Amino acid sequence: MSLGKLSNCSRCDALFVQTVRDICPKCYQAVEKEYEECARFLRKRENRGANIHQVSEATGVSVKQITKFIKEGRISIEGSPNLGYPCESCGFLIRSGNLCDSCVRSLQHDITQQSEVDRRLEEERREKLAQAAYRRRAKPGE
């Protein structure tokens, strides 16, 4: 069984012995308190319509940390119709994944375009190689 390794906390940069988490015990306790604050806020019926920015403002917990709670499944968005987290590309609020539908379509379009450009360049390269080979064979007197 491994005893852990020395590491810097990803949250506060303090040196600690890392076993399971990438944050130190002190930050872990702070994160747990933030989670409890968010959960307590969202349990109240009148707050179930809140969006992530309202939850952040009311609890003092960062949008980034609330997003992490949602992605980890610690905060459920099932009973909260307005609760989502920012798309990693444009910031539009989404309820699953990392990108909104618009950014996914844009990324797919860019990939398709790049694939087409790569295909055309490869065709041109092969055509030039074929032409060069033909010229070598077609030289008179050889």
C-alpha atoms as a PDB file:
ATOM      1  CA  MET A   1       0.000   0.000   0.000  1.00  0.00           C
ATOM      2  CA  SER A   2       1.362   3.400  -0.992  1.00  0.00           C
ATOM      3  CA  LEU A   3       1.731   6.089   1.632  1.00  0.00           C
ATOM      4  CA  GLY A   4       1.226   8.915  -0.841  1.00  0.00           C
ATOM      5  CA  LYS A   5       3.487  11.461  -2.389  1.00  0.00           C
ATOM      6  CA  LEU A   6       4.372  15.046  -1.660  1.00  0.00           C
ATOM      7  CA  SER A   7       2.331  17.375  -3.799  1.00  0.00           C
ATOM      8  CA  ASN A   8       1.097  20.931  -3.942  1.00  0.00           C
ATOM      9  CA  CYS A   9      -2.598  21.523  -3.340  1.00  0.00           C
ATOM     10  CA  SER A  10      -4.301  22.431  -6.626  1.00  0.00           C
ATOM     11  CA  ARG A  11      -6.441  24.919  -4.743  1.00  0.00           C
ATOM     12  CA  CYS A  12      -4.090  26.742  -2.331  1.00  0.00           C
ATOM     13  CA  ASP A  13      -0.664  25.495  -3.480  1.00  0.00           C
ATOM     14  CA  ALA A  14       0.235  24.257   0.025  1.00  0.00           C
ATOM     15  CA  LEU A  15       2.538  21.254   0.280  1.00  0.00           C
ATOM     16  CA  PHE A  16       0.801  18.092   1.533  1.00  0.00           C
ATOM     17  CA  VAL A  17       0.970  14.312   1.303  1.00  0.00           C
ATOM     18  CA  GLN A  18      -1.346  13.375  -1.548  1.00  0.00           C
ATOM     19  CA  THR A  19      -3.170  10.091  -1.227  1.00  0.00           C
ATOM     20  CA  VAL A  20      -6.558  10.258  -2.934  1.00  0.00           C
ATOM     21  CA  ARG A  21      -7.401  13.922  -3.554  1.00  0.00           C
ATOM     22  CA  ASP A  22      -5.463  16.640  -5.341  1.00  0.00           C
ATOM     23  CA  ILE A  23      -6.301  19.132  -2.586  1.00  0.00           C
ATOM     24  CA  CYS A  24      -4.990  19.374   0.950  1.00  0.00           C
ATOM     25  CA  PRO A  25      -7.125  18.388   3.953  1.00  0.00           C
ATOM     26  CA  LYS A  26      -7.772  22.040   4.847  1.00  0.00           C
ATOM     27  CA  CYS A  27      -9.097  22.820   1.340  1.00  0.00           C
ATOM     28  CA  TYR A  28     -11.076  19.577   1.331  1.00  0.00           C
ATOM     29  CA  GLN A  29     -12.883  20.736   4.467  1.00  0.00           C
ATOM     30  CA  ALA A  30     -13.532  24.141   2.846  1.00  0.00           C
ATOM     31  CA  VAL A  31     -14.947  22.452  -0.281  1.00  0.00           C
ATOM     32  CA  GLU A  32     -17.208  20.276   1.852  1.00  0.00           C
ATOM     33  CA  LYS A  33     -18.515  23.381   3.627  1.00  0.00           C
ATOM     34  CA  GLU A  34     -19.160  25.009   0.241  1.00  0.00           C
ATOM     35  CA  TYR A  35     -21.033  21.918  -0.886  1.00  0.00           C
ATOM     36  CA  GLU A  36     -23.190  21.950   2.249  1.00  0.00           C
ATOM     37  CA  GLU A  37     -23.944  25.641   1.721  1.00  0.00           C
ATOM     38  CA  CYS A  38     -25.044  25.026  -1.892  1.00  0.00           C
ATOM     39  CA  ALA A  39     -27.064  21.936  -0.978  1.00  0.00           C
ATOM     40  CA  ARG A  40     -28.781  23.778   1.891  1.00  0.00           C
ATOM     41  CA  PHE A  41     -29.644  26.685  -0.433  1.00  0.00           C
ATOM     42  CA  LEU A  42     -31.048  24.412  -3.147  1.00  0.00           C
ATOM     43  CA  ARG A  43     -33.110  22.315  -0.724  1.00  0.00           C
ATOM     44  CA  LYS A  44     -35.351  25.290  -0.069  1.00  0.00           C
ATOM     45  CA  ARG A  45     -38.368  25.184  -2.365  1.00  0.00           C
ATOM     46  CA  GLU A  46     -38.168  28.907  -3.175  1.00  0.00           C
ATOM     47  CA  ASN A  47     -34.588  28.486  -4.456  1.00  0.00           C
ATOM     48  CA  ARG A  48     -35.190  25.595  -6.844  1.00  0.00           C
ATOM     49  CA  GLY A  49     -35.666  28.009  -9.744  1.00  0.00           C
ATOM     50  CA  ALA A  50     -32.255  29.609  -9.188  1.00  0.00           C
ATOM     51  CA  ASN A  51     -29.585  29.549 -11.851  1.00  0.00           C
ATOM     52  CA  ILE A  52     -25.901  28.904 -11.139  1.00  0.00           C
ATOM     53  CA  HIS A  53     -25.094  32.614 -10.843  1.00  0.00           C
ATOM     54  CA  GLN A  54     -27.851  33.139  -8.289  1.00  0.00           C
ATOM     55  CA  VAL A  55     -26.648  30.124  -6.297  1.00  0.00           C
ATOM     56  CA  SER A  56     -23.105  31.483  -6.399  1.00  0.00           C
ATOM     57  CA  GLU A  57     -24.181  34.944  -5.307  1.00  0.00           C
ATOM     58  CA  ALA A  58     -26.362  33.641  -2.469  1.00  0.00           C
ATOM     59  CA  THR A  59     -23.817  31.146  -1.127  1.00  0.00           C
ATOM     60  CA  GLY A  60     -20.502  32.809  -1.917  1.00  0.00           C
ATOM     61  CA  VAL A  61     -19.361  29.638  -3.708  1.00  0.00           C
ATOM     62  CA  SER A  62     -17.687  30.173  -7.080  1.00  0.00           C
ATOM     63  CA  VAL A  63     -19.457  29.201 -10.309  1.00  0.00           C
ATOM     64  CA  LYS A  64     -16.440  26.996 -11.083  1.00  0.00           C
ATOM     65  CA  GLN A  65     -16.860  25.054  -7.829  1.00  0.00           C
ATOM     66  CA  ILE A  66     -20.648  24.711  -8.276  1.00  0.00           C
ATOM     67  CA  THR A  67     -20.011  23.442 -11.806  1.00  0.00           C
ATOM     68  CA  LYS A  68     -17.635  20.858 -10.354  1.00  0.00           C
ATOM     69  CA  PHE A  69     -20.304  19.747  -7.853  1.00  0.00           C
ATOM     70  CA  ILE A  70     -22.827  19.326 -10.685  1.00  0.00           C
ATOM     71  CA  LYS A  71     -20.405  17.415 -12.917  1.00  0.00           C
ATOM     72  CA  GLU A  72     -19.436  15.147 -10.026  1.00  0.00           C
ATOM     73  CA  GLY A  73     -23.126  14.430  -9.460  1.00  0.00           C
ATOM     74  CA  ARG A  74     -23.093  15.904  -5.980  1.00  0.00           C
ATOM     75  CA  ILE A  75     -25.619  18.572  -6.928  1.00  0.00           C
ATOM     76  CA  SER A  76     -28.517  17.260  -8.973  1.00  0.00           C
ATOM     77  CA  ILE A  77     -30.086  19.489 -11.596  1.00  0.00           C
ATOM     78  CA  GLU A  78     -33.192  17.285 -11.846  1.00  0.00           C
ATOM     79  CA  GLY A  79     -35.440  19.381  -9.616  1.00  0.00           C
ATOM     80  CA  SER A  80     -33.874  22.675 -10.666  1.00  0.00           C
ATOM     81  CA  PRO A  81     -35.071  23.663 -14.143  1.00  0.00           C
ATOM     82  CA  ASN A  82     -32.820  26.749 -14.403  1.00  0.00           C
ATOM     83  CA  LEU A  83     -29.690  25.226 -12.940  1.00  0.00           C
ATOM     84  CA  GLY A  84     -26.944  24.531 -15.421  1.00  0.00           C
ATOM     85  CA  TYR A  85     -23.283  25.366 -15.833  1.00  0.00           C
ATOM     86  CA  PRO A  86     -21.313  27.321 -18.434  1.00  0.00           C
ATOM     87  CA  CYS A  87     -20.268  25.805 -21.761  1.00  0.00           C
ATOM     88  CA  GLU A  88     -16.470  25.549 -21.717  1.00  0.00           C
ATOM     89  CA  SER A  89     -16.269  27.408 -25.012  1.00  0.00           C
ATOM     90  CA  CYS A  90     -18.862  30.196 -25.014  1.00  0.00           C
ATOM     91  CA  GLY A  91     -20.273  30.291 -21.466  1.00  0.00           C
ATOM     92  CA  PHE A  92     -23.892  29.510 -22.435  1.00  0.00           C
ATOM     93  CA  LEU A  93     -25.583  27.590 -19.615  1.00  0.00           C
ATOM     94  CA  ILE A  94     -25.857  23.851 -20.316  1.00  0.00           C
ATOM     95  CA  ARG A  95     -27.124  20.876 -18.325  1.00  0.00           C
ATOM     96  CA  SER A  96     -24.822  18.109 -19.543  1.00  0.00           C
ATOM     97  CA  GLY A  97     -21.478  17.595 -21.225  1.00  0.00           C
ATOM     98  CA  ASN A  98     -18.811  20.248 -21.647  1.00  0.00           C
ATOM     99  CA  LEU A  99     -20.038  22.157 -24.711  1.00  0.00           C
ATOM    100  CA  CYS A 100     -23.396  23.567 -25.777  1.00  0.00           C
ATOM    101  CA  ASP A 101     -25.078  22.239 -28.928  1.00  0.00           C
ATOM    102  CA  SER A 102     -24.014  25.306 -30.920  1.00  0.00           C
ATOM    103  CA  CYS A 103     -20.331  24.883 -30.014  1.00  0.00           C
ATOM    104  CA  VAL A 104     -20.502  21.141 -30.716  1.00  0.00           C
ATOM    105  CA  ARG A 105     -21.950  21.854 -34.190  1.00  0.00           C
ATOM    106  CA  SER A 106     -19.301  24.513 -34.804  1.00  0.00           C
ATOM    107  CA  LEU A 107     -16.530  22.150 -33.735  1.00  0.00           C
ATOM    108  CA  GLN A 108     -17.925  19.358 -35.922  1.00  0.00           C
ATOM    109  CA  HIS A 109     -18.099  21.794 -38.854  1.00  0.00           C
ATOM    110  CA  ASP A 110     -14.488  22.879 -38.283  1.00  0.00           C
ATOM    111  CA  ILE A 111     -13.344  19.247 -38.094  1.00  0.00           C
ATOM    112  CA  THR A 112     -15.226  18.383 -41.292  1.00  0.00           C
ATOM    113  CA  GLN A 113     -13.712  21.384 -43.088  1.00  0.00           C
ATOM    114  CA  GLN A 114     -10.203  20.516 -41.897  1.00  0.00           C
ATOM    115  CA  SER A 115     -10.674  16.902 -42.964  1.00  0.00           C
ATOM    116  CA  GLU A 116     -11.719  18.088 -46.424  1.00  0.00           C
ATOM    117  CA  VAL A 117      -8.673  20.382 -46.666  1.00  0.00           C
ATOM    118  CA  ASP A 118      -6.412  17.519 -45.558  1.00  0.00           C
ATOM    119  CA  ARG A 119      -8.032  15.187 -48.117  1.00  0.00           C
ATOM    120  CA  ARG A 120      -7.520  17.719 -50.934  1.00  0.00           C
ATOM    121  CA  LEU A 121      -3.884  18.326 -49.955  1.00  0.00           C
ATOM    122  CA  GLU A 122      -3.236  14.590 -49.926  1.00  0.00           C
ATOM    123  CA  GLU A 123      -4.841  14.235 -53.377  1.00  0.00           C
ATOM    124  CA  GLU A 124      -2.671  17.078 -54.711  1.00  0.00           C
ATOM    125  CA  ARG A 125       0.454  15.508 -53.210  1.00  0.00           C
ATOM    126  CA  ARG A 126      -0.332  12.137 -54.792  1.00  0.00           C
ATOM    127  CA  GLU A 127      -1.075  13.785 -58.131  1.00  0.00           C
ATOM    128  CA  LYS A 128       2.276  15.618 -58.076  1.00  0.00           C
ATOM    129  CA  LEU A 129       4.104  12.415 -57.212  1.00  0.00           C
ATOM    130  CA  ALA A 130       2.358  10.593 -60.050  1.00  0.00           C
ATOM    131  CA  GLN A 131       3.209  13.391 -62.496  1.00  0.00           C
ATOM    132  CA  ALA A 132       6.866  13.377 -61.393  1.00  0.00           C
ATOM    133  CA  ALA A 133       7.039   9.608 -61.814  1.00  0.00           C
ATOM    134  CA  TYR A 134       5.453   9.892 -65.273  1.00  0.00           C
ATOM    135  CA  ARG A 135       7.987  12.574 -66.312  1.00  0.00           C
ATOM    136  CA  ARG A 136      10.889  10.389 -65.183  1.00  0.00           C
ATOM    137  CA  ARG A 137       9.577   7.471 -67.282  1.00  0.00           C
ATOM    138  CA  ALA A 138       8.738   9.641 -70.278  1.00  0.00           C
ATOM    139  CA  LYS A 139      12.194  11.283 -70.717  1.00  0.00           C
ATOM    140  CA  PRO A 140      13.418  10.669 -74.282  1.00  0.00           C
ATOM    141  CA  GLY A 141      16.655   8.807 -74.810  1.00  0.00           C
ATOM    142  CA  GLU A 142      16.573   6.767 -71.672  1.00  0.00           C
END
